[in-house]
């Protein structure tokens, strides 16, 4: 009986040897193919951390001097949304935002501005922007573009978050973060619109070294808006 088991084992071993050899050949061929293959290009986009140093890269800091006497500095993240940042910087340097109110300010949510009509339905004369949605989260101090129903309808309006709202992620173009003066954002008068709204006295780029404007009431500038679709209310 024992001899028959040994014989059967020998027959099984002989039958298995070609299978093992074939498997080894396949493995070697796959390894060779992997070594010879050209590496696939990287597709994952790496997002740099926010630089909170207001003395560095000052061409990418938006400065808002508010009518409440506060100066807010916002780090513009070109890597996140280059077209939106180019737009905001251009409008700031044109003086477009000077005198504009925060027309929609909701406690515990956000403060919205950038509409020269103060109604939430206006914008700049420039064309609307194609969305640059990105995975960066909407945290306290996040600055993001408002838009109408279409994803590609952001123009000049933006909002600053008071608290995290992750439901907005990948639905609105997140383009920066407040790096100083968040107390000034917290002090913006609430309302839709507020009875006595907080204004942007001056919007500038830090590299241009504009002084803080005199704290005096100013009249809103003439409307520069073109007929556009109303900006949809940002929902929580």
C-alpha atoms as a PDB file:
ATOM      1  CA  UNK A   1       0.000   0.000   0.000  1.00  0.00           C
ATOM      2  CA  UNK A   2       2.797   2.389   0.939  1.00  0.00           C
ATOM      3  CA  UNK A   3       4.605   1.655  -2.358  1.00  0.00           C
ATOM      4  CA  UNK A   4       1.427   2.434  -4.314  1.00  0.00           C
ATOM      5  CA  UNK A   5       1.157   5.838  -2.546  1.00  0.00           C
ATOM      6  CA  UNK A   6       4.801   6.621  -3.389  1.00  0.00           C
ATOM      7  CA  UNK A   7       4.234   5.701  -7.021  1.00  0.00           C
ATOM      8  CA  UNK A   8       1.121   7.827  -7.222  1.00  0.00           C
ATOM      9  CA  UNK A   9       3.042  10.754  -5.709  1.00  0.00           C
ATOM     10  CA  UNK A  10       5.754  10.387  -8.271  1.00  0.00           C
ATOM     11  CA  UNK A  11       3.240  10.420 -11.133  1.00  0.00           C
ATOM     12  CA  UNK A  12       1.576  13.574  -9.677  1.00  0.00           C
ATOM     13  CA  UNK A  13       4.958  15.261  -9.325  1.00  0.00           C
ATOM     14  CA  UNK A  14       5.835  14.518 -12.935  1.00  0.00           C
ATOM     15  CA  UNK A  15       2.499  15.928 -14.084  1.00  0.00           C
ATOM     16  CA  UNK A  16       2.925  19.088 -11.981  1.00  0.00           C
ATOM     17  CA  UNK A  17       6.485  19.878 -13.155  1.00  0.00           C
ATOM     18  CA  UNK A  18       5.497  21.253 -16.614  1.00  0.00           C
ATOM     19  CA  UNK A  19       2.756  23.398 -15.020  1.00  0.00           C
ATOM     20  CA  UNK A  20       5.201  24.939 -12.557  1.00  0.00           C
ATOM     21  CA  UNK A  21       7.729  25.555 -15.300  1.00  0.00           C
ATOM     22  CA  UNK A  22       5.090  27.228 -17.446  1.00  0.00           C
ATOM     23  CA  UNK A  23       3.969  29.432 -14.535  1.00  0.00           C
ATOM     24  CA  UNK A  24       7.572  30.473 -13.927  1.00  0.00           C
ATOM     25  CA  UNK A  25       7.988  31.369 -17.599  1.00  0.00           C
ATOM     26  CA  UNK A  26       4.823  33.483 -17.539  1.00  0.00           C
ATOM     27  CA  UNK A  27       5.983  35.308 -14.399  1.00  0.00           C
ATOM     28  CA  UNK A  28       9.391  36.011 -15.928  1.00  0.00           C
ATOM     29  CA  UNK A  29       7.788  37.291 -19.136  1.00  0.00           C
ATOM     30  CA  UNK A  30       5.475  39.609 -17.193  1.00  0.00           C
ATOM     31  CA  UNK A  31       8.405  40.939 -15.154  1.00  0.00           C
ATOM     32  CA  UNK A  32      10.397  41.601 -18.335  1.00  0.00           C
ATOM     33  CA  UNK A  33       7.431  43.355 -19.952  1.00  0.00           C
ATOM     34  CA  UNK A  34       6.984  45.545 -16.853  1.00  0.00           C
ATOM     35  CA  UNK A  35      10.647  46.536 -16.861  1.00  0.00           C
ATOM     36  CA  UNK A  36      10.601  47.353 -20.571  1.00  0.00           C
ATOM     37  CA  UNK A  37       7.338  49.305 -20.488  1.00  0.00           C
ATOM     38  CA  UNK A  38       7.463  53.095 -20.513  1.00  0.00           C
ATOM     39  CA  UNK A  39       6.215  54.408 -17.142  1.00  0.00           C
ATOM     40  CA  UNK A  40       2.722  55.938 -17.323  1.00  0.00           C
ATOM     41  CA  UNK A  41       2.658  59.711 -16.787  1.00  0.00           C
ATOM     42  CA  UNK A  42       1.529  60.874 -13.350  1.00  0.00           C
ATOM     43  CA  UNK A  43      -2.111  61.989 -13.375  1.00  0.00           C
ATOM     44  CA  UNK A  44      -2.587  62.935  -9.709  1.00  0.00           C
ATOM     45  CA  UNK A  45      -2.349  66.694  -9.177  1.00  0.00           C
ATOM     46  CA  UNK A  46      -0.483  67.688  -6.034  1.00  0.00           C
ATOM     47  CA  UNK A  47      -1.776  70.833  -4.323  1.00  0.00           C
ATOM     48  CA  UNK A  48       0.747  72.927  -2.435  1.00  0.00           C
ATOM     49  CA  UNK A  49      -0.046  73.964   1.145  1.00  0.00           C
ATOM     50  CA  UNK A  50      -1.153  77.537   1.783  1.00  0.00           C
ATOM     51  CA  UNK A  51       1.614  80.028   2.526  1.00  0.00           C
ATOM     52  CA  UNK A  52       0.405  82.114   5.471  1.00  0.00           C
ATOM     53  CA  UNK A  53       3.421  84.440   5.361  1.00  0.00           C
ATOM     54  CA  UNK A  54       2.011  87.760   4.153  1.00  0.00           C
ATOM     55  CA  UNK A  55       5.531  88.987   3.279  1.00  0.00           C
ATOM     56  CA  UNK A  56       6.104  86.316   0.626  1.00  0.00           C
ATOM     57  CA  UNK A  57       4.679  86.040  -2.916  1.00  0.00           C
ATOM     58  CA  UNK A  58       2.846  89.331  -2.442  1.00  0.00           C
ATOM     59  CA  UNK A  59       1.655  89.332  -6.046  1.00  0.00           C
ATOM     60  CA  UNK A  60      -0.722  86.580  -4.980  1.00  0.00           C
ATOM     61  CA  UNK A  61      -2.264  88.271  -1.950  1.00  0.00           C
ATOM     62  CA  UNK A  62      -5.581  90.067  -2.340  1.00  0.00           C
ATOM     63  CA  UNK A  63      -6.011  92.881   0.194  1.00  0.00           C
ATOM     64  CA  UNK A  64      -9.507  94.023   1.176  1.00  0.00           C
ATOM     65  CA  UNK A  65      -9.775  97.250   3.171  1.00  0.00           C
ATOM     66  CA  UNK A  66     -13.265  97.174   4.675  1.00  0.00           C
ATOM     67  CA  UNK A  67     -15.541  99.938   5.893  1.00  0.00           C
ATOM     68  CA  UNK A  68     -15.477  98.363   9.375  1.00  0.00           C
ATOM     69  CA  UNK A  69     -11.854  99.514   9.646  1.00  0.00           C
ATOM     70  CA  UNK A  70     -10.320  96.070   9.116  1.00  0.00           C
ATOM     71  CA  UNK A  71      -7.761  94.950   6.542  1.00  0.00           C
ATOM     72  CA  UNK A  72      -8.200  91.378   5.266  1.00  0.00           C
ATOM     73  CA  UNK A  73      -5.448  89.558   3.354  1.00  0.00           C
ATOM     74  CA  UNK A  74      -6.300  86.585   1.151  1.00  0.00           C
ATOM     75  CA  UNK A  75      -3.755  84.158  -0.253  1.00  0.00           C
ATOM     76  CA  UNK A  76      -4.609  83.493  -3.902  1.00  0.00           C
ATOM     77  CA  UNK A  77      -3.701  79.916  -4.872  1.00  0.00           C
ATOM     78  CA  UNK A  78      -2.819  79.971  -8.564  1.00  0.00           C
ATOM     79  CA  UNK A  79      -2.355  76.220  -8.655  1.00  0.00           C
ATOM     80  CA  UNK A  80      -5.973  75.688  -7.633  1.00  0.00           C
ATOM     81  CA  UNK A  81      -7.751  78.017 -10.061  1.00  0.00           C
ATOM     82  CA  UNK A  82      -5.456  80.070 -12.311  1.00  0.00           C
ATOM     83  CA  UNK A  83      -8.148  81.626 -14.524  1.00  0.00           C
ATOM     84  CA  UNK A  84     -10.274  82.745 -11.570  1.00  0.00           C
ATOM     85  CA  UNK A  85      -7.275  84.276  -9.829  1.00  0.00           C
ATOM     86  CA  UNK A  86      -6.241  86.113 -12.987  1.00  0.00           C
ATOM     87  CA  UNK A  87      -9.779  87.550 -13.132  1.00  0.00           C
ATOM     88  CA  UNK A  88      -9.902  88.637  -9.479  1.00  0.00           C
ATOM     89  CA  UNK A  89      -6.453  90.246  -9.670  1.00  0.00           C
ATOM     90  CA  UNK A  90      -7.348  92.102 -12.874  1.00  0.00           C
ATOM     91  CA  UNK A  91     -10.616  93.427 -11.419  1.00  0.00           C
ATOM     92  CA  UNK A  92      -8.912  94.468  -8.185  1.00  0.00           C
ATOM     93  CA  UNK A  93      -6.245  96.401 -10.076  1.00  0.00           C
ATOM     94  CA  UNK A  94      -8.941  98.119 -12.168  1.00  0.00           C
ATOM     95  CA  UNK A  95     -10.667  99.313  -8.991  1.00  0.00           C
ATOM     96  CA  UNK A  96     -13.771  97.285  -9.854  1.00  0.00           C
ATOM     97  CA  UNK A  97     -14.356  96.078  -6.278  1.00  0.00           C
ATOM     98  CA  UNK A  98     -13.874  99.478  -4.634  1.00  0.00           C
ATOM     99  CA  UNK A  99     -17.094 100.584  -2.946  1.00  0.00           C
ATOM    100  CA  UNK A 100     -18.958  97.288  -3.458  1.00  0.00           C
ATOM    101  CA  UNK A 101     -21.020  95.983  -0.533  1.00  0.00           C
ATOM    102  CA  UNK A 102     -21.275  92.543   1.041  1.00  0.00           C
ATOM    103  CA  UNK A 103     -24.836  92.004  -0.151  1.00  0.00           C
ATOM    104  CA  UNK A 104     -25.530  88.537   1.275  1.00  0.00           C
ATOM    105  CA  UNK A 105     -24.135  87.715   4.689  1.00  0.00           C
ATOM    106  CA  UNK A 106     -25.493  84.706   6.570  1.00  0.00           C
ATOM    107  CA  UNK A 107     -24.525  84.050  10.186  1.00  0.00           C
ATOM    108  CA  UNK A 108     -22.586  80.789  10.534  1.00  0.00           C
ATOM    109  CA  UNK A 109     -22.240  80.411   6.770  1.00  0.00           C
ATOM    110  CA  UNK A 110     -20.598  83.026   4.540  1.00  0.00           C
ATOM    111  CA  UNK A 111     -20.284  86.649   3.349  1.00  0.00           C
ATOM    112  CA  UNK A 112     -20.790  87.318  -0.383  1.00  0.00           C
ATOM    113  CA  UNK A 113     -19.649  90.344  -2.387  1.00  0.00           C
ATOM    114  CA  UNK A 114     -18.413  91.380  -5.833  1.00  0.00           C
ATOM    115  CA  UNK A 115     -21.671  92.628  -7.386  1.00  0.00           C
ATOM    116  CA  UNK A 116     -21.596  96.332  -8.355  1.00  0.00           C
ATOM    117  CA  UNK A 117     -25.417  96.457  -8.306  1.00  0.00           C
ATOM    118  CA  UNK A 118     -25.593  95.143  -4.727  1.00  0.00           C
ATOM    119  CA  UNK A 119     -28.454  92.837  -5.706  1.00  0.00           C
ATOM    120  CA  UNK A 120     -26.664  89.546  -6.326  1.00  0.00           C
ATOM    121  CA  UNK A 121     -27.584  89.676 -10.025  1.00  0.00           C
ATOM    122  CA  UNK A 122     -24.710  91.725 -11.438  1.00  0.00           C
ATOM    123  CA  UNK A 123     -21.151  91.141 -12.512  1.00  0.00           C
ATOM    124  CA  UNK A 124     -18.273  92.623 -14.471  1.00  0.00           C
ATOM    125  CA  UNK A 125     -18.357  93.323 -18.229  1.00  0.00           C
ATOM    126  CA  UNK A 126     -15.928  90.434 -18.732  1.00  0.00           C
ATOM    127  CA  UNK A 127     -17.032  86.997 -19.979  1.00  0.00           C
ATOM    128  CA  UNK A 128     -18.071  84.357 -17.473  1.00  0.00           C
ATOM    129  CA  UNK A 129     -15.416  81.871 -16.425  1.00  0.00           C
ATOM    130  CA  UNK A 130     -15.190  78.144 -17.015  1.00  0.00           C
ATOM    131  CA  UNK A 131     -15.385  76.276 -13.708  1.00  0.00           C
ATOM    132  CA  UNK A 132     -12.111  75.242 -12.049  1.00  0.00           C
ATOM    133  CA  UNK A 133     -13.584  72.973  -9.393  1.00  0.00           C
ATOM    134  CA  UNK A 134     -10.892  71.332  -7.267  1.00  0.00           C
ATOM    135  CA  UNK A 135     -10.761  69.041  -4.230  1.00  0.00           C
ATOM    136  CA  UNK A 136      -9.683  71.734  -1.778  1.00  0.00           C
ATOM    137  CA  UNK A 137     -12.182  71.852   1.115  1.00  0.00           C
ATOM    138  CA  UNK A 138     -14.324  74.837   2.085  1.00  0.00           C
ATOM    139  CA  UNK A 139     -12.991  75.651   5.553  1.00  0.00           C
ATOM    140  CA  UNK A 140     -13.239  78.699   7.787  1.00  0.00           C
ATOM    141  CA  UNK A 141     -11.676  81.538   5.800  1.00  0.00           C
ATOM    142  CA  UNK A 142     -12.022  79.837   2.408  1.00  0.00           C
ATOM    143  CA  UNK A 143     -12.579  82.262  -0.484  1.00  0.00           C
ATOM    144  CA  UNK A 144     -14.604  80.832  -3.355  1.00  0.00           C
ATOM    145  CA  UNK A 145     -16.416  82.112  -6.462  1.00  0.00           C
ATOM    146  CA  UNK A 146     -20.177  82.528  -6.551  1.00  0.00           C
ATOM    147  CA  UNK A 147     -22.000  81.490  -9.718  1.00  0.00           C
ATOM    148  CA  UNK A 148     -25.438  81.086 -11.308  1.00  0.00           C
ATOM    149  CA  UNK A 149     -27.029  77.713 -12.085  1.00  0.00           C
ATOM    150  CA  UNK A 150     -24.450  76.852 -14.740  1.00  0.00           C
ATOM    151  CA  UNK A 151     -21.101  75.561 -13.507  1.00  0.00           C
ATOM    152  CA  UNK A 152     -19.400  77.918 -15.961  1.00  0.00           C
ATOM    153  CA  UNK A 153     -21.080  81.159 -14.840  1.00  0.00           C
ATOM    154  CA  UNK A 154     -18.701  82.647 -12.244  1.00  0.00           C
ATOM    155  CA  UNK A 155     -17.761  86.219 -13.109  1.00  0.00           C
ATOM    156  CA  UNK A 156     -16.814  88.639 -10.323  1.00  0.00           C
ATOM    157  CA  UNK A 157     -18.755  87.662  -7.205  1.00  0.00           C
ATOM    158  CA  UNK A 158     -17.053  85.697  -4.442  1.00  0.00           C
ATOM    159  CA  UNK A 159     -17.738  84.651  -0.877  1.00  0.00           C
ATOM    160  CA  UNK A 160     -15.756  84.072   2.310  1.00  0.00           C
ATOM    161  CA  UNK A 161     -16.753  81.183   4.574  1.00  0.00           C
ATOM    162  CA  UNK A 162     -17.301  81.771   8.290  1.00  0.00           C
ATOM    163  CA  UNK A 163     -17.268  78.027   9.057  1.00  0.00           C
ATOM    164  CA  UNK A 164     -16.514  74.789   7.171  1.00  0.00           C
ATOM    165  CA  UNK A 165     -19.074  73.793   4.546  1.00  0.00           C
ATOM    166  CA  UNK A 166     -17.874  70.622   2.843  1.00  0.00           C
ATOM    167  CA  UNK A 167     -21.129  70.398   0.860  1.00  0.00           C
ATOM    168  CA  UNK A 168     -19.725  73.208  -1.323  1.00  0.00           C
ATOM    169  CA  UNK A 169     -16.612  71.232  -2.284  1.00  0.00           C
ATOM    170  CA  UNK A 170     -16.264  70.591  -6.042  1.00  0.00           C
ATOM    171  CA  UNK A 171     -19.420  72.667  -6.634  1.00  0.00           C
ATOM    172  CA  UNK A 172     -17.842  76.128  -6.341  1.00  0.00           C
ATOM    173  CA  UNK A 173     -14.343  77.181  -7.391  1.00  0.00           C
ATOM    174  CA  UNK A 174     -12.212  77.436  -4.255  1.00  0.00           C
ATOM    175  CA  UNK A 175      -9.366  79.822  -5.039  1.00  0.00           C
ATOM    176  CA  UNK A 176      -7.825  80.991  -1.775  1.00  0.00           C
ATOM    177  CA  UNK A 177      -7.861  81.460   1.984  1.00  0.00           C
ATOM    178  CA  UNK A 178      -7.822  84.350   4.428  1.00  0.00           C
ATOM    179  CA  UNK A 179      -4.329  84.517   5.955  1.00  0.00           C
ATOM    180  CA  UNK A 180      -4.842  87.589   8.148  1.00  0.00           C
ATOM    181  CA  UNK A 181      -7.728  89.762   9.281  1.00  0.00           C
ATOM    182  CA  UNK A 182     -10.321  87.046   9.778  1.00  0.00           C
ATOM    183  CA  UNK A 183     -11.678  89.151  12.629  1.00  0.00           C
ATOM    184  CA  UNK A 184     -12.570  91.723   9.974  1.00  0.00           C
ATOM    185  CA  UNK A 185     -14.538  89.078   8.084  1.00  0.00           C
ATOM    186  CA  UNK A 186     -16.324  88.072  11.295  1.00  0.00           C
ATOM    187  CA  UNK A 187     -17.311  91.725  11.786  1.00  0.00           C
ATOM    188  CA  UNK A 188     -19.090  92.037   8.402  1.00  0.00           C
ATOM    189  CA  UNK A 189     -22.711  93.075   8.985  1.00  0.00           C
ATOM    190  CA  UNK A 190     -25.233  90.265   8.458  1.00  0.00           C
ATOM    191  CA  UNK A 191     -28.285  90.443   6.204  1.00  0.00           C
ATOM    192  CA  UNK A 192     -29.657  89.695   2.710  1.00  0.00           C
ATOM    193  CA  UNK A 193     -28.910  92.525   2.099  1.00  0.00           C
ATOM    194  CA  UNK A 194     -27.864  94.124   5.382  1.00  0.00           C
ATOM    195  CA  UNK A 195     -29.589  97.354   6.383  1.00  0.00           C
ATOM    196  CA  UNK A 196     -26.201  99.028   6.822  1.00  0.00           C
ATOM    197  CA  UNK A 197     -23.887  96.858   4.719  1.00  0.00           C
ATOM    198  CA  UNK A 198     -20.135  96.540   5.097  1.00  0.00           C
ATOM    199  CA  UNK A 199     -18.262  97.753   2.024  1.00  0.00           C
ATOM    200  CA  UNK A 200     -14.947  97.036   0.358  1.00  0.00           C
ATOM    201  CA  UNK A 201     -13.390 100.489   0.464  1.00  0.00           C
ATOM    202  CA  UNK A 202     -10.424  99.258  -1.541  1.00  0.00           C
ATOM    203  CA  UNK A 203      -9.353  95.960  -3.075  1.00  0.00           C
ATOM    204  CA  UNK A 204      -5.706  95.741  -4.089  1.00  0.00           C
ATOM    205  CA  UNK A 205      -2.816  93.355  -4.601  1.00  0.00           C
ATOM    206  CA  UNK A 206      -0.233  93.387  -1.802  1.00  0.00           C
ATOM    207  CA  UNK A 207       2.678  93.788  -4.224  1.00  0.00           C
ATOM    208  CA  UNK A 208       1.217  97.152  -5.321  1.00  0.00           C
ATOM    209  CA  UNK A 209       1.673  98.512  -1.761  1.00  0.00           C
ATOM    210  CA  UNK A 210      -1.504 100.603  -1.677  1.00  0.00           C
ATOM    211  CA  UNK A 211      -1.987 102.403   1.655  1.00  0.00           C
ATOM    212  CA  UNK A 212      -5.052 101.854   3.807  1.00  0.00           C
ATOM    213  CA  UNK A 213      -7.740 104.274   2.574  1.00  0.00           C
ATOM    214  CA  UNK A 214      -9.250 106.894   4.851  1.00  0.00           C
ATOM    215  CA  UNK A 215     -12.138 105.442   6.892  1.00  0.00           C
ATOM    216  CA  UNK A 216     -14.946 107.500   5.406  1.00  0.00           C
ATOM    217  CA  UNK A 217     -18.240 106.569   3.759  1.00  0.00           C
ATOM    218  CA  UNK A 218     -18.127 106.486  -0.020  1.00  0.00           C
ATOM    219  CA  UNK A 219     -20.856 106.301  -2.621  1.00  0.00           C
ATOM    220  CA  UNK A 220     -21.131 103.081  -4.608  1.00  0.00           C
ATOM    221  CA  UNK A 221     -19.505 103.254  -8.045  1.00  0.00           C
ATOM    222  CA  UNK A 222     -21.661 103.343 -11.179  1.00  0.00           C
ATOM    223  CA  UNK A 223     -22.834  99.916 -12.272  1.00  0.00           C
ATOM    224  CA  UNK A 224     -20.394  98.239 -14.634  1.00  0.00           C
ATOM    225  CA  UNK A 225     -22.473  95.125 -15.033  1.00  0.00           C
ATOM    226  CA  UNK A 226     -23.828  93.675 -18.239  1.00  0.00           C
ATOM    227  CA  UNK A 227     -27.122  91.785 -18.415  1.00  0.00           C
ATOM    228  CA  UNK A 228     -26.313  88.412 -16.884  1.00  0.00           C
ATOM    229  CA  UNK A 229     -28.170  85.509 -15.337  1.00  0.00           C
ATOM    230  CA  UNK A 230     -28.790  86.089 -11.623  1.00  0.00           C
ATOM    231  CA  UNK A 231     -26.195  84.492  -9.379  1.00  0.00           C
ATOM    232  CA  UNK A 232     -27.868  81.565  -7.680  1.00  0.00           C
ATOM    233  CA  UNK A 233     -27.963  81.728  -3.871  1.00  0.00           C
ATOM    234  CA  UNK A 234     -25.231  79.586  -2.381  1.00  0.00           C
ATOM    235  CA  UNK A 235     -27.006  76.819  -0.512  1.00  0.00           C
ATOM    236  CA  UNK A 236     -25.664  75.037   2.517  1.00  0.00           C
END
